[in-house]
């Protein structure tokens, strides 16, 4: 994945680093990075101005690839850049970077799938959802 800065992403979110996020070595525990990614994802898929989920549907994570680059230190905050690189029939591929003090500390690619809440089976994205999700599209080629 090419080097990206926060301004290269169509969606930006921030999250506060809590003291409880740290481990014995004084840096943020690796499990918390996934929570930061969630903050960025939710900023798109549950955006109050751009609803995309039909009644009775939700998103589940199908895969997450996470690359650790640097430690995150407390106190402070992180910025999360998020973009969509591919729309499938019912899936969305996301690319995300986490930044602290304008330095990239982690990169991630993930896939989420829209599912029917009653059957837990994949549910195709609506045309409206596709149009809205297109607002956060990124071309990494």
Foldseek 3Di string as FASTA:
>chain_A
DDDDFQVQFLFKDKDWDDQVQADPVQFGDPVCVVVVVVRRVCCQQVPPVQHFDDPQKDKDWPDKDKDFDATHHDGDMKMKGKAWADDDQFKTKMWMFIDDPRDTGMIMITMMGMAGNVPRHGDGGDPSNVVSNVSRHHHPD
